[in-house]
PDB file of N, CA and C in Angstrom:
ATOM      1  N   MET A   1      87.081-103.118  -3.377  1.00  0.00           N
ATOM      2  CA  MET A   1      86.960-102.602  -4.706  1.00  0.00           C
ATOM      3  C   MET A   1      85.508-102.628  -5.543  1.00  0.00           C
ATOM      4  N   ALA A   2      85.943-102.142  -6.066  1.00  0.00           N
ATOM      5  CA  ALA A   2      84.103-101.343  -6.483  1.00  0.00           C
ATOM      6  C   ALA A   2      83.598-102.535  -7.058  1.00  0.00           C
ATOM      7  N   THR A   3      82.524-102.412  -6.952  1.00  0.00           N
ATOM      8  CA  THR A   3      81.806-103.292  -7.912  1.00  0.00           C
ATOM      9  C   THR A   3      80.972-102.889  -8.595  1.00  0.00           C
ATOM     10  N   GLU A   4      81.262-102.936 -10.355  1.00  0.00           N
ATOM     11  CA  GLU A   4      80.537-102.181 -11.142  1.00  0.00           C
ATOM     12  C   GLU A   4      78.754-102.599 -10.986  1.00  0.00           C
ATOM     13  N   ASN A   5      77.825-101.859 -10.878  1.00  0.00           N
ATOM     14  CA  ASN A   5      76.631-101.245 -11.062  1.00  0.00           C
ATOM     15  C   ASN A   5      76.094-101.081 -11.793  1.00  0.00           C
ATOM     16  N   PRO A   6      75.046-101.712 -13.162  1.00  0.00           N
ATOM     17  CA  PRO A   6      74.644-101.544 -14.226  1.00  0.00           C
ATOM     18  C   PRO A   6      73.849-100.354 -14.224  1.00  0.00           C
ATOM     19  N   GLU A   7      72.698-100.538 -13.150  1.00  0.00           N
ATOM     20  CA  GLU A   7      71.327 -99.326 -12.782  1.00  0.00           C
ATOM     21  C   GLU A   7      72.738 -98.460 -12.310  1.00  0.00           C
ATOM     22  N   LYS A   8      73.015 -97.552 -13.140  1.00  0.00           N
ATOM     23  CA  LYS A   8      73.263 -96.033 -12.562  1.00  0.00           C
ATOM     24  C   LYS A   8      72.548 -94.982 -12.526  1.00  0.00           C
ATOM     25  N   MET A   9      72.947 -94.218 -11.675  1.00  0.00           N
ATOM     26  CA  MET A   9      71.799 -93.133 -11.100  1.00  0.00           C
ATOM     27  C   MET A   9      72.278 -91.892 -11.004  1.00  0.00           C
ATOM     28  N   THR A  10      72.170 -91.574 -12.146  1.00  0.00           N
ATOM     29  CA  THR A  10      72.039 -89.769 -12.732  1.00  0.00           C
ATOM     30  C   THR A  10      71.998 -87.723 -11.780  1.00  0.00           C
ATOM     31  N   SER A  11      71.139 -88.257 -11.181  1.00  0.00           N
ATOM     32  CA  SER A  11      70.656 -87.545 -10.255  1.00  0.00           C
ATOM     33  C   SER A  11      71.060 -87.215  -8.749  1.00  0.00           C
ATOM     34  N   ASP A  12      71.206 -86.013  -8.276  1.00  0.00           N
ATOM     35  CA  ASP A  12      71.764 -86.085  -6.365  1.00  0.00           C
ATOM     36  C   ASP A  12      70.176 -85.783  -5.789  1.00  0.00           C
ATOM     37  N   THR A  13      69.370 -85.847  -5.957  1.00  0.00           N
ATOM     38  CA  THR A  13      67.703 -86.159  -5.510  1.00  0.00           C
ATOM     39  C   THR A  13      67.355 -87.456  -5.668  1.00  0.00           C
ATOM     40  N   ILE A  14      67.178 -88.356  -4.589  1.00  0.00           N
ATOM     41  CA  ILE A  14      67.465 -89.892  -5.248  1.00  0.00           C
ATOM     42  C   ILE A  14      65.276 -89.694  -4.474  1.00  0.00           C
ATOM     43  N   ARG A  15      64.421 -90.401  -5.156  1.00  0.00           N
ATOM     44  CA  ARG A  15      62.790 -91.170  -4.766  1.00  0.00           C
ATOM     45  C   ARG A  15      63.098 -91.899  -5.026  1.00  0.00           C
ATOM     46  N   ILE A  16      62.362 -92.610  -3.935  1.00  0.00           N
ATOM     47  CA  ILE A  16      62.286 -93.901  -3.586  1.00  0.00           C
ATOM     48  C   ILE A  16      60.857 -94.151  -3.106  1.00  0.00           C
ATOM     49  N   ALA A  17      60.033 -95.431  -4.155  1.00  0.00           N
ATOM     50  CA  ALA A  17      58.571 -95.041  -4.064  1.00  0.00           C
ATOM     51  C   ALA A  17      58.141 -96.387  -4.132  1.00  0.00           C
ATOM     52  N   ASN A  18      57.366 -96.287  -2.829  1.00  0.00           N
ATOM     53  CA  ASN A  18      56.360 -97.280  -3.049  1.00  0.00           C
ATOM     54  C   ASN A  18      54.507 -97.144  -3.348  1.00  0.00           C
ATOM     55  N   GLU A  19      54.714 -96.982  -4.496  1.00  0.00           N
ATOM     56  CA  GLU A  19      53.398 -96.327  -4.945  1.00  0.00           C
ATOM     57  C   GLU A  19      51.438 -97.156  -4.388  1.00  0.00           C
ATOM     58  N   GLU A  20      52.051 -98.602  -4.043  1.00  0.00           N
ATOM     59  CA  GLU A  20      50.769 -99.284  -3.662  1.00  0.00           C
ATOM     60  C   GLU A  20      50.387 -98.965  -1.687  1.00  0.00           C
ATOM     61  N   LEU A  21      51.550 -98.842  -1.876  1.00  0.00           N
ATOM     62  CA  LEU A  21      51.782 -98.426  -0.087  1.00  0.00           C
ATOM     63  C   LEU A  21      51.459 -97.010   0.128  1.00  0.00           C
ATOM     64  N   GLU A  22      51.655 -96.005  -0.691  1.00  0.00           N
ATOM     65  CA  GLU A  22      51.520 -94.698  -0.785  1.00  0.00           C
ATOM     66  C   GLU A  22      53.176 -93.415  -0.120  1.00  0.00           C
ATOM     67  N   TYR A  23      54.195 -94.168   0.297  1.00  0.00           N
ATOM     68  CA  TYR A  23      55.613 -94.351   0.918  1.00  0.00           C
ATOM     69  C   TYR A  23      56.193 -93.606  -0.097  1.00  0.00           C
ATOM     70  N   GLU A  24      56.941 -93.047   0.051  1.00  0.00           N
ATOM     71  CA  GLU A  24      57.617 -92.287  -0.553  1.00  0.00           C
ATOM     72  C   GLU A  24      58.473 -92.208   0.316  1.00  0.00           C
ATOM     73  N   VAL A  25      60.370 -92.207  -0.251  1.00  0.00           N
ATOM     74  CA  VAL A  25      61.620 -91.250   0.618  1.00  0.00           C
ATOM     75  C   VAL A  25      61.968 -90.750  -0.418  1.00  0.00           C
ATOM     76  N   VAL A  26      62.879 -89.890  -0.195  1.00  0.00           N
ATOM     77  CA  VAL A  26      63.686 -88.966  -1.425  1.00  0.00           C
ATOM     78  C   VAL A  26      65.024 -88.832  -0.211  1.00  0.00           C
ATOM     79  N   ILE A  27      65.410 -88.447  -0.800  1.00  0.00           N
ATOM     80  CA  ILE A  27      67.332 -88.412  -0.181  1.00  0.00           C
ATOM     81  C   ILE A  27      68.086 -87.360  -1.143  1.00  0.00           C
ATOM     82  N   ILE A  28      68.460 -86.302  -0.471  1.00  0.00           N
ATOM     83  CA  ILE A  28      68.943 -85.019  -1.028  1.00  0.00           C
ATOM     84  C   ILE A  28      70.257 -84.940  -1.137  1.00  0.00           C
ATOM     85  N   ASP A  29      71.377 -85.856  -1.133  1.00  0.00           N
ATOM     86  CA  ASP A  29      72.712 -85.409  -0.305  1.00  0.00           C
ATOM     87  C   ASP A  29      73.660 -85.885  -2.266  1.00  0.00           C
ATOM     88  N   ALA A  30      74.319 -85.054  -2.019  1.00  0.00           N
ATOM     89  CA  ALA A  30      75.379 -84.393  -3.830  1.00  0.00           C
ATOM     90  C   ALA A  30      76.158 -86.074  -3.439  1.00  0.00           C
ATOM     91  N   GLY A  31      76.703 -86.823  -2.051  1.00  0.00           N
ATOM     92  CA  GLY A  31      77.278 -86.961  -2.765  1.00  0.00           C
ATOM     93  C   GLY A  31      77.393 -88.635  -2.638  1.00  0.00           C
ATOM     94  N   PHE A  32      75.885 -88.743  -2.515  1.00  0.00           N
ATOM     95  CA  PHE A  32      74.979 -90.446  -2.363  1.00  0.00           C
ATOM     96  C   PHE A  32      74.709 -91.070  -3.951  1.00  0.00           C
ATOM     97  N   THR A  33      74.694 -90.654  -4.867  1.00  0.00           N
ATOM     98  CA  THR A  33      74.602 -91.018  -6.281  1.00  0.00           C
ATOM     99  C   THR A  33      75.585 -91.340  -6.669  1.00  0.00           C
ATOM    100  N   SER A  34      77.125 -90.688  -6.391  1.00  0.00           N
ATOM    101  CA  SER A  34      78.402 -91.155  -6.647  1.00  0.00           C
ATOM    102  C   SER A  34      78.528 -92.386  -6.705  1.00  0.00           C
ATOM    103  N   TRP A  35      78.203 -92.726  -5.045  1.00  0.00           N
ATOM    104  CA  TRP A  35      79.186 -93.343  -3.715  1.00  0.00           C
ATOM    105  C   TRP A  35      77.258 -94.449  -4.372  1.00  0.00           C
ATOM    106  N   TYR A  36      76.776 -94.438  -4.372  1.00  0.00           N
ATOM    107  CA  TYR A  36      76.015 -95.388  -4.880  1.00  0.00           C
ATOM    108  C   TYR A  36      76.401 -96.244  -6.596  1.00  0.00           C
ATOM    109  N   ASN A  37      76.892 -95.279  -7.594  1.00  0.00           N
ATOM    110  CA  ASN A  37      77.064 -96.482  -9.185  1.00  0.00           C
ATOM    111  C   ASN A  37      78.299 -96.709  -8.434  1.00  0.00           C
ATOM    112  N   ALA A  38      79.258 -96.570  -7.699  1.00  0.00           N
ATOM    113  CA  ALA A  38      80.695 -97.039  -8.072  1.00  0.00           C
ATOM    114  C   ALA A  38      80.300 -98.014  -6.852  1.00  0.00           C
ATOM    115  N   TYR A  39      79.835 -98.213  -5.890  1.00  0.00           N
ATOM    116  CA  TYR A  39      79.854 -99.507  -4.885  1.00  0.00           C
ATOM    117  C   TYR A  39      78.323-100.271  -4.765  1.00  0.00           C
ATOM    118  N   ALA A  40      77.365 -99.826  -4.703  1.00  0.00           N
ATOM    119  CA  ALA A  40      76.186-100.405  -4.952  1.00  0.00           C
ATOM    120  C   ALA A  40      76.091-102.150  -5.529  1.00  0.00           C
ATOM    121  N   LYS A  41      75.719-102.688  -4.939  1.00  0.00           N
ATOM    122  CA  LYS A  41      75.439-104.333  -5.403  1.00  0.00           C
ATOM    123  C   LYS A  41      74.146-104.319  -6.451  1.00  0.00           C
ATOM    124  N   PRO A  42      74.059-105.088  -7.382  1.00  0.00           N
ATOM    125  CA  PRO A  42      72.997-105.324  -8.159  1.00  0.00           C
ATOM    126  C   PRO A  42      71.785-105.930  -7.623  1.00  0.00           C
ATOM    127  N   ARG A  43      70.858-105.744  -8.063  1.00  0.00           N
ATOM    128  CA  ARG A  43      69.310-105.604  -7.274  1.00  0.00           C
ATOM    129  C   ARG A  43      69.731-107.281  -7.254  1.00  0.00           C
ATOM    130  N   GLY A  44      68.381-107.654  -6.671  1.00  0.00           N
ATOM    131  CA  GLY A  44      69.011-108.839  -5.844  1.00  0.00           C
ATOM    132  C   GLY A  44      70.014-109.270  -5.085  1.00  0.00           C
ATOM    133  N   TYR A  45      70.971-108.779  -5.180  1.00  0.00           N
ATOM    134  CA  TYR A  45      72.243-109.316  -4.393  1.00  0.00           C
ATOM    135  C   TYR A  45      71.889-109.685  -2.941  1.00  0.00           C
ATOM    136  N   TYR A  46      70.894-108.893  -2.149  1.00  0.00           N
ATOM    137  CA  TYR A  46      70.066-109.467  -1.377  1.00  0.00           C
ATOM    138  C   TYR A  46      69.148-109.483  -1.062  1.00  0.00           C
ATOM    139  N   SER A  47      68.964-110.573  -0.554  1.00  0.00           N
ATOM    140  CA  SER A  47      67.451-110.590  -0.145  1.00  0.00           C
ATOM    141  C   SER A  47      66.352-109.069   0.277  1.00  0.00           C
ATOM    142  N   GLN A  48      65.937-109.560   0.213  1.00  0.00           N
ATOM    143  CA  GLN A  48      64.503-108.863   0.928  1.00  0.00           C
ATOM    144  C   GLN A  48      65.095-108.646   2.836  1.00  0.00           C
ATOM    145  N   SER A  49      64.645-109.937   2.721  1.00  0.00           N
ATOM    146  CA  SER A  49      64.522-110.015   4.327  1.00  0.00           C
ATOM    147  C   SER A  49      66.228-109.592   4.923  1.00  0.00           C
ATOM    148  N   TYR A  50      67.013-109.439   4.812  1.00  0.00           N
ATOM    149  CA  TYR A  50      68.275-109.505   4.447  1.00  0.00           C
ATOM    150  C   TYR A  50      68.053-107.778   4.924  1.00  0.00           C
ATOM    151  N   LEU A  51      68.017-106.830   3.615  1.00  0.00           N
ATOM    152  CA  LEU A  51      68.018-106.067   4.145  1.00  0.00           C
ATOM    153  C   LEU A  51      66.582-105.582   4.908  1.00  0.00           C
ATOM    154  N   GLU A  52      65.530-106.101   5.354  1.00  0.00           N
ATOM    155  CA  GLU A  52      64.588-105.284   5.727  1.00  0.00           C
ATOM    156  C   GLU A  52      65.408-105.886   7.013  1.00  0.00           C
ATOM    157  N   SER A  53      66.452-106.933   7.514  1.00  0.00           N
ATOM    158  CA  SER A  53      66.670-107.330   9.000  1.00  0.00           C
ATOM    159  C   SER A  53      67.904-105.722   9.501  1.00  0.00           C
ATOM    160  N   ARG A  54      68.817-105.777   8.430  1.00  0.00           N
ATOM    161  CA  ARG A  54      69.063-104.711   8.733  1.00  0.00           C
ATOM    162  C   ARG A  54      68.934-103.244   8.775  1.00  0.00           C
ATOM    163  N   ASN A  55      67.874-102.817   7.950  1.00  0.00           N
ATOM    164  CA  ASN A  55      67.241-102.139   8.105  1.00  0.00           C
ATOM    165  C   ASN A  55      66.990-101.484   9.266  1.00  0.00           C
ATOM    166  N   ARG A  56      65.710-102.445  10.044  1.00  0.00           N
ATOM    167  CA  ARG A  56      65.171-101.826  11.247  1.00  0.00           C
ATOM    168  C   ARG A  56      65.858-102.082  12.270  1.00  0.00           C
ATOM    169  N   ILE A  57      67.186-102.689  12.801  1.00  0.00           N
ATOM    170  CA  ILE A  57      68.054-102.362  13.578  1.00  0.00           C
ATOM    171  C   ILE A  57      68.902-100.436  12.895  1.00  0.00           C
ATOM    172  N   TRP A  58      69.942-100.569  12.014  1.00  0.00           N
ATOM    173  CA  TRP A  58      69.915 -99.184  11.670  1.00  0.00           C
ATOM    174  C   TRP A  58      68.603 -98.110  11.554  1.00  0.00           C
ATOM    175  N   VAL A  59      67.862 -98.148  11.217  1.00  0.00           N
ATOM    176  CA  VAL A  59      66.921 -96.991  11.457  1.00  0.00           C
ATOM    177  C   VAL A  59      66.368 -96.904  13.097  1.00  0.00           C
ATOM    178  N   THR A  60      65.943 -97.934  14.300  1.00  0.00           N
ATOM    179  CA  THR A  60      65.471 -98.073  15.028  1.00  0.00           C
ATOM    180  C   THR A  60      66.866 -96.149  16.070  1.00  0.00           C
ATOM    181  N   GLU A  61      68.309 -97.031  15.556  1.00  0.00           N
ATOM    182  CA  GLU A  61      69.481 -96.375  16.002  1.00  0.00           C
ATOM    183  C   GLU A  61      69.506 -94.756  15.332  1.00  0.00           C
ATOM    184  N   TRP A  62      68.879 -94.639  14.125  1.00  0.00           N
ATOM    185  CA  TRP A  62      69.140 -93.657  13.736  1.00  0.00           C
ATOM    186  C   TRP A  62      68.038 -93.153  14.094  1.00  0.00           C
ATOM    187  N   ASN A  63      66.755 -93.191  14.132  1.00  0.00           N
ATOM    188  CA  ASN A  63      65.581 -92.163  15.159  1.00  0.00           C
ATOM    189  C   ASN A  63      66.442 -92.367  17.035  1.00  0.00           C
ATOM    190  N   ALA A  64      66.424 -92.984  17.369  1.00  0.00           N
ATOM    191  CA  ALA A  64      67.315 -92.591  18.750  1.00  0.00           C
ATOM    192  C   ALA A  64      68.105 -91.148  18.641  1.00  0.00           C
ATOM    193  N   ARG A  65      69.067 -91.512  17.888  1.00  0.00           N
ATOM    194  CA  ARG A  65      70.360 -90.077  17.597  1.00  0.00           C
ATOM    195  C   ARG A  65      69.964 -89.187  17.374  1.00  0.00           C
ATOM    196  N   SER A  66      68.725 -88.925  16.737  1.00  0.00           N
ATOM    197  CA  SER A  66      67.540 -88.182  15.885  1.00  0.00           C
ATOM    198  C   SER A  66      67.188 -87.648  16.668  1.00  0.00           C
ATOM    199  N   ARG A  67      66.452 -87.690  18.475  1.00  0.00           N
ATOM    200  CA  ARG A  67      66.139 -87.545  19.078  1.00  0.00           C
ATOM    201  C   ARG A  67      66.841 -87.195  20.538  1.00  0.00           C
ATOM    202  N   ASN A  68      67.412 -87.516  19.463  1.00  0.00           N
ATOM    203  CA  ASN A  68      69.365 -86.374  21.005  1.00  0.00           C
ATOM    204  C   ASN A  68      70.062 -85.532  20.490  1.00  0.00           C
ATOM    205  N   PRO A  69      70.206 -84.586  21.099  1.00  0.00           N
ATOM    206  CA  PRO A  69      70.100 -83.269  21.081  1.00  0.00           C
ATOM    207  C   PRO A  69      72.054 -82.697  20.351  1.00  0.00           C
ATOM    208  N   GLN A  70      73.064 -83.716  20.943  1.00  0.00           N
ATOM    209  CA  GLN A  70      74.380 -83.993  20.470  1.00  0.00           C
ATOM    210  C   GLN A  70      73.882 -84.390  19.347  1.00  0.00           C
ATOM    211  N   TYR A  71      73.193 -84.920  18.494  1.00  0.00           N
ATOM    212  CA  TYR A  71      73.478 -86.119  17.327  1.00  0.00           C
ATOM    213  C   TYR A  71      72.954 -85.088  15.996  1.00  0.00           C
ATOM    214  N   SER A  72      72.088 -83.531  16.309  1.00  0.00           N
ATOM    215  CA  SER A  72      71.362 -82.525  16.087  1.00  0.00           C
ATOM    216  C   SER A  72      72.080 -82.871  14.521  1.00  0.00           C
ATOM    217  N   ASP A  73      73.495 -82.394  14.291  1.00  0.00           N
ATOM    218  CA  ASP A  73      73.528 -81.989  13.011  1.00  0.00           C
ATOM    219  C   ASP A  73      73.987 -83.088  12.056  1.00  0.00           C
ATOM    220  N   LEU A  74      74.182 -84.563  11.937  1.00  0.00           N
ATOM    221  CA  LEU A  74      74.139 -85.631  11.771  1.00  0.00           C
ATOM    222  C   LEU A  74      72.779 -85.780  11.537  1.00  0.00           C
ATOM    223  N   TYR A  75      71.915 -86.365  11.911  1.00  0.00           N
ATOM    224  CA  TYR A  75      70.511 -87.074  12.391  1.00  0.00           C
ATOM    225  C   TYR A  75      69.100 -85.635  12.963  1.00  0.00           C
ATOM    226  N   GLN A  76      69.019 -85.180  11.535  1.00  0.00           N
ATOM    227  CA  GLN A  76      68.433 -83.784  11.838  1.00  0.00           C
ATOM    228  C   GLN A  76      66.527 -84.507  11.623  1.00  0.00           C
ATOM    229  N   LEU A  77      66.221 -85.791  10.780  1.00  0.00           N
ATOM    230  CA  LEU A  77      64.390 -86.007  11.164  1.00  0.00           C
ATOM    231  C   LEU A  77      64.825 -87.197  11.286  1.00  0.00           C
ATOM    232  N   PRO A  78      64.238 -88.243  12.278  1.00  0.00           N
ATOM    233  CA  PRO A  78      63.854 -89.234  12.222  1.00  0.00           C
ATOM    234  C   PRO A  78      63.127 -89.911  11.056  1.00  0.00           C
ATOM    235  N   ILE A  79      63.392 -91.271  10.406  1.00  0.00           N
ATOM    236  CA  ILE A  79      62.845 -92.648   9.943  1.00  0.00           C
ATOM    237  C   ILE A  79      61.543 -92.864  10.263  1.00  0.00           C
ATOM    238  N   ASP A  80      60.801 -92.681   9.323  1.00  0.00           N
ATOM    239  CA  ASP A  80      59.084 -93.118   9.304  1.00  0.00           C
ATOM    240  C   ASP A  80      59.166 -94.840   8.790  1.00  0.00           C
ATOM    241  N   TYR A  81      60.166 -95.546   9.605  1.00  0.00           N
ATOM    242  CA  TYR A  81      59.654 -96.875   9.026  1.00  0.00           C
ATOM    243  C   TYR A  81      59.353 -98.027  10.122  1.00  0.00           C
ATOM    244  N   GLN A  82      58.393 -98.954   9.777  1.00  0.00           N
ATOM    245  CA  GLN A  82      57.789 -99.592  10.532  1.00  0.00           C
ATOM    246  C   GLN A  82      57.756-100.908  10.200  1.00  0.00           C
ATOM    247  N   PHE A  83      57.717-102.118  11.147  1.00  0.00           N
ATOM    248  CA  PHE A  83      58.567-103.197  10.895  1.00  0.00           C
ATOM    249  C   PHE A  83      57.023-103.413  10.617  1.00  0.00           C
ATOM    250  N   ASP A  84      56.199-103.886  10.954  1.00  0.00           N
ATOM    251  CA  ASP A  84      55.189-104.595  10.397  1.00  0.00           C
ATOM    252  C   ASP A  84      54.565-103.928   9.111  1.00  0.00           C
ATOM    253  N   ILE A  85      54.997-103.305   8.314  1.00  0.00           N
ATOM    254  CA  ILE A  85      54.948-103.374   7.032  1.00  0.00           C
ATOM    255  C   ILE A  85      55.596-103.160   5.609  1.00  0.00           C
ATOM    256  N   ASN A  86      55.502-104.094   4.500  1.00  0.00           N
ATOM    257  CA  ASN A  86      56.119-104.643   4.093  1.00  0.00           C
ATOM    258  C   ASN A  86      56.484-103.213   2.717  1.00  0.00           C
ATOM    259  N   TYR A  87      57.465-102.400   2.788  1.00  0.00           N
ATOM    260  CA  TYR A  87      57.644-102.119   2.590  1.00  0.00           C
ATOM    261  C   TYR A  87      57.569-101.895   1.110  1.00  0.00           C
ATOM    262  N   GLY A  88      58.370-103.480  -0.066  1.00  0.00           N
ATOM    263  CA  GLY A  88      58.741-103.551  -0.813  1.00  0.00           C
ATOM    264  C   GLY A  88      60.455-104.049  -1.590  1.00  0.00           C
ATOM    265  N   TYR A  89      60.340-104.560  -1.952  1.00  0.00           N
ATOM    266  CA  TYR A  89      62.444-104.810  -2.320  1.00  0.00           C
ATOM    267  C   TYR A  89      62.966-103.767  -2.391  1.00  0.00           C
ATOM    268  N   GLU A  90      62.334-102.779  -3.942  1.00  0.00           N
ATOM    269  CA  GLU A  90      63.014-100.954  -4.117  1.00  0.00           C
ATOM    270  C   GLU A  90      63.425-100.404  -2.082  1.00  0.00           C
ATOM    271  N   VAL A  91      62.675 -99.708  -2.108  1.00  0.00           N
ATOM    272  CA  VAL A  91      61.849 -98.896  -1.081  1.00  0.00           C
ATOM    273  C   VAL A  91      63.227 -99.593   0.155  1.00  0.00           C
ATOM    274  N   ASN A  92      63.021-100.912   0.310  1.00  0.00           N
ATOM    275  CA  ASN A  92      64.628-101.974   0.850  1.00  0.00           C
ATOM    276  C   ASN A  92      66.113-101.587   0.144  1.00  0.00           C
ATOM    277  N   TYR A  93      65.825-101.486  -0.218  1.00  0.00           N
ATOM    278  CA  TYR A  93      67.416-101.532  -1.044  1.00  0.00           C
ATOM    279  C   TYR A  93      67.870 -99.793  -0.735  1.00  0.00           C
ATOM    280  N   MET A  94      67.063 -99.047  -1.226  1.00  0.00           N
ATOM    281  CA  MET A  94      67.680 -97.971  -1.540  1.00  0.00           C
ATOM    282  C   MET A  94      67.801 -97.582  -0.125  1.00  0.00           C
ATOM    283  N   LEU A  95      67.038 -98.158   0.312  1.00  0.00           N
ATOM    284  CA  LEU A  95      67.278 -97.305   2.554  1.00  0.00           C
ATOM    285  C   LEU A  95      68.529 -98.095   2.966  1.00  0.00           C
ATOM    286  N   TYR A  96      68.766 -99.397   2.628  1.00  0.00           N
ATOM    287  CA  TYR A  96      69.622-100.455   3.364  1.00  0.00           C
ATOM    288  C   TYR A  96      71.427 -99.239   2.311  1.00  0.00           C
ATOM    289  N   TYR A  97      71.016 -98.787   1.574  1.00  0.00           N
ATOM    290  CA  TYR A  97      72.102 -98.299   0.481  1.00  0.00           C
ATOM    291  C   TYR A  97      72.689 -96.976   0.537  1.00  0.00           C
ATOM    292  N   TYR A  98      72.165 -96.516   1.387  1.00  0.00           N
ATOM    293  CA  TYR A  98      71.826 -94.939   1.863  1.00  0.00           C
ATOM    294  C   TYR A  98      72.097 -94.927   2.987  1.00  0.00           C
ATOM    295  N   LEU A  99      71.733 -95.768   3.991  1.00  0.00           N
ATOM    296  CA  LEU A  99      72.591 -96.295   5.389  1.00  0.00           C
ATOM    297  C   LEU A  99      73.655 -96.654   5.649  1.00  0.00           C
ATOM    298  N   VAL A 100      73.917 -97.744   4.726  1.00  0.00           N
ATOM    299  CA  VAL A 100      75.709 -98.135   4.249  1.00  0.00           C
ATOM    300  C   VAL A 100      76.307 -96.495   4.267  1.00  0.00           C
ATOM    301  N   TYR A 101      76.233 -96.311   2.868  1.00  0.00           N
ATOM    302  CA  TYR A 101      76.718 -94.674   2.420  1.00  0.00           C
ATOM    303  C   TYR A 101      76.909 -93.710   3.994  1.00  0.00           C
ATOM    304  N   PHE A 102      76.083 -93.509   4.474  1.00  0.00           N
ATOM    305  CA  PHE A 102      75.530 -92.659   5.460  1.00  0.00           C
ATOM    306  C   PHE A 102      77.030 -92.833   6.884  1.00  0.00           C
ATOM    307  N   GLN A 103      77.251 -94.364   7.391  1.00  0.00           N
ATOM    308  CA  GLN A 103      77.519 -95.022   8.296  1.00  0.00           C
ATOM    309  C   GLN A 103      79.096 -95.009   7.559  1.00  0.00           C
ATOM    310  N   LEU A 104      79.251 -95.100   6.074  1.00  0.00           N
ATOM    311  CA  LEU A 104      81.066 -95.434   6.010  1.00  0.00           C
ATOM    312  C   LEU A 104      81.433 -93.948   5.411  1.00  0.00           C
ATOM    313  N   THR A 105      80.729 -92.758   5.112  1.00  0.00           N
ATOM    314  CA  THR A 105      81.220 -91.638   4.740  1.00  0.00           C
ATOM    315  C   THR A 105      80.931 -90.666   6.009  1.00  0.00           C
ATOM    316  N   ASN A 106      80.571 -90.751   7.331  1.00  0.00           N
ATOM    317  CA  ASN A 106      80.971 -89.810   8.525  1.00  0.00           C
ATOM    318  C   ASN A 106      80.893 -91.013   9.645  1.00  0.00           C
ATOM    319  N   LYS A 107      81.399 -91.563   9.063  1.00  0.00           N
ATOM    320  CA  LYS A 107      82.637 -92.418  10.442  1.00  0.00           C
ATOM    321  C   LYS A 107      81.392 -93.302  11.800  1.00  0.00           C
ATOM    322  N   GLN A 108      80.089 -93.252  11.371  1.00  0.00           N
ATOM    323  CA  GLN A 108      79.451 -94.356  11.980  1.00  0.00           C
ATOM    324  C   GLN A 108      78.481 -95.291  11.658  1.00  0.00           C
ATOM    325  N   GLN A 109      78.473 -95.701  12.917  1.00  0.00           N
ATOM    326  CA  GLN A 109      78.429 -97.727  13.459  1.00  0.00           C
ATOM    327  C   GLN A 109      76.372 -97.240  13.708  1.00  0.00           C
ATOM    328  N   LEU A 110      75.578 -98.107  13.123  1.00  0.00           N
ATOM    329  CA  LEU A 110      74.185 -98.030  13.119  1.00  0.00           C
ATOM    330  C   LEU A 110      73.761 -99.382  14.059  1.00  0.00           C
ATOM    331  N   GLY A 111      73.545 -99.187  15.455  1.00  0.00           N
ATOM    332  CA  GLY A 111      73.785-101.402  15.514  1.00  0.00           C
ATOM    333  C   GLY A 111      74.576-101.828  15.729  1.00  0.00           C
ATOM    334  N   GLY A 112      74.706-102.528  15.827  1.00  0.00           N
ATOM    335  CA  GLY A 112      75.826-103.751  16.640  1.00  0.00           C
ATOM    336  C   GLY A 112      77.130-104.867  15.578  1.00  0.00           C
ATOM    337  N   PHE A 113      76.741-103.841  14.465  1.00  0.00           N
ATOM    338  CA  PHE A 113      77.507-104.304  13.342  1.00  0.00           C
ATOM    339  C   PHE A 113      78.166-103.135  12.650  1.00  0.00           C
ATOM    340  N   THR A 114      78.932-103.684  11.618  1.00  0.00           N
ATOM    341  CA  THR A 114      79.878-102.099  10.501  1.00  0.00           C
ATOM    342  C   THR A 114      79.831-102.586   9.247  1.00  0.00           C
ATOM    343  N   ALA A 115      78.747-101.456   9.231  1.00  0.00           N
ATOM    344  CA  ALA A 115      77.935-100.936   8.016  1.00  0.00           C
ATOM    345  C   ALA A 115      79.379-101.429   6.766  1.00  0.00           C
ATOM    346  N   ARG A 116      78.936-102.233   5.648  1.00  0.00           N
ATOM    347  CA  ARG A 116      80.755-102.709   4.435  1.00  0.00           C
ATOM    348  C   ARG A 116      79.904-102.912   3.268  1.00  0.00           C
ATOM    349  N   ILE A 117      80.283-103.128   2.300  1.00  0.00           N
ATOM    350  CA  ILE A 117      79.837-102.486   0.647  1.00  0.00           C
ATOM    351  C   ILE A 117      80.984-103.968   0.353  1.00  0.00           C
TER     352      ILE A 117
END
């Protein structure tokens, strides 16, 4: 069942930034915006520590696959996500939802548990 998300996005290019850390993530994926608007839970639903724990596991596996030529069409670039940096809630929230979207739409599993909405 879809969850109504009052914070709708309208662009297919998503910029996620933490200006204090000079960190930026840009997502260019035509399907992500409509998926996010239909399924993402509101900000604050998950704690930052929950998002970080999932992102660490998923990014580690993403990066391992990005170095493997067998996965080169899906995992073209590694994600520079350093575990000792506090990226803040917004970066972790949007990265989490992109990784959930990616796994569900590409029938992938990054890590020891299945992504779900």
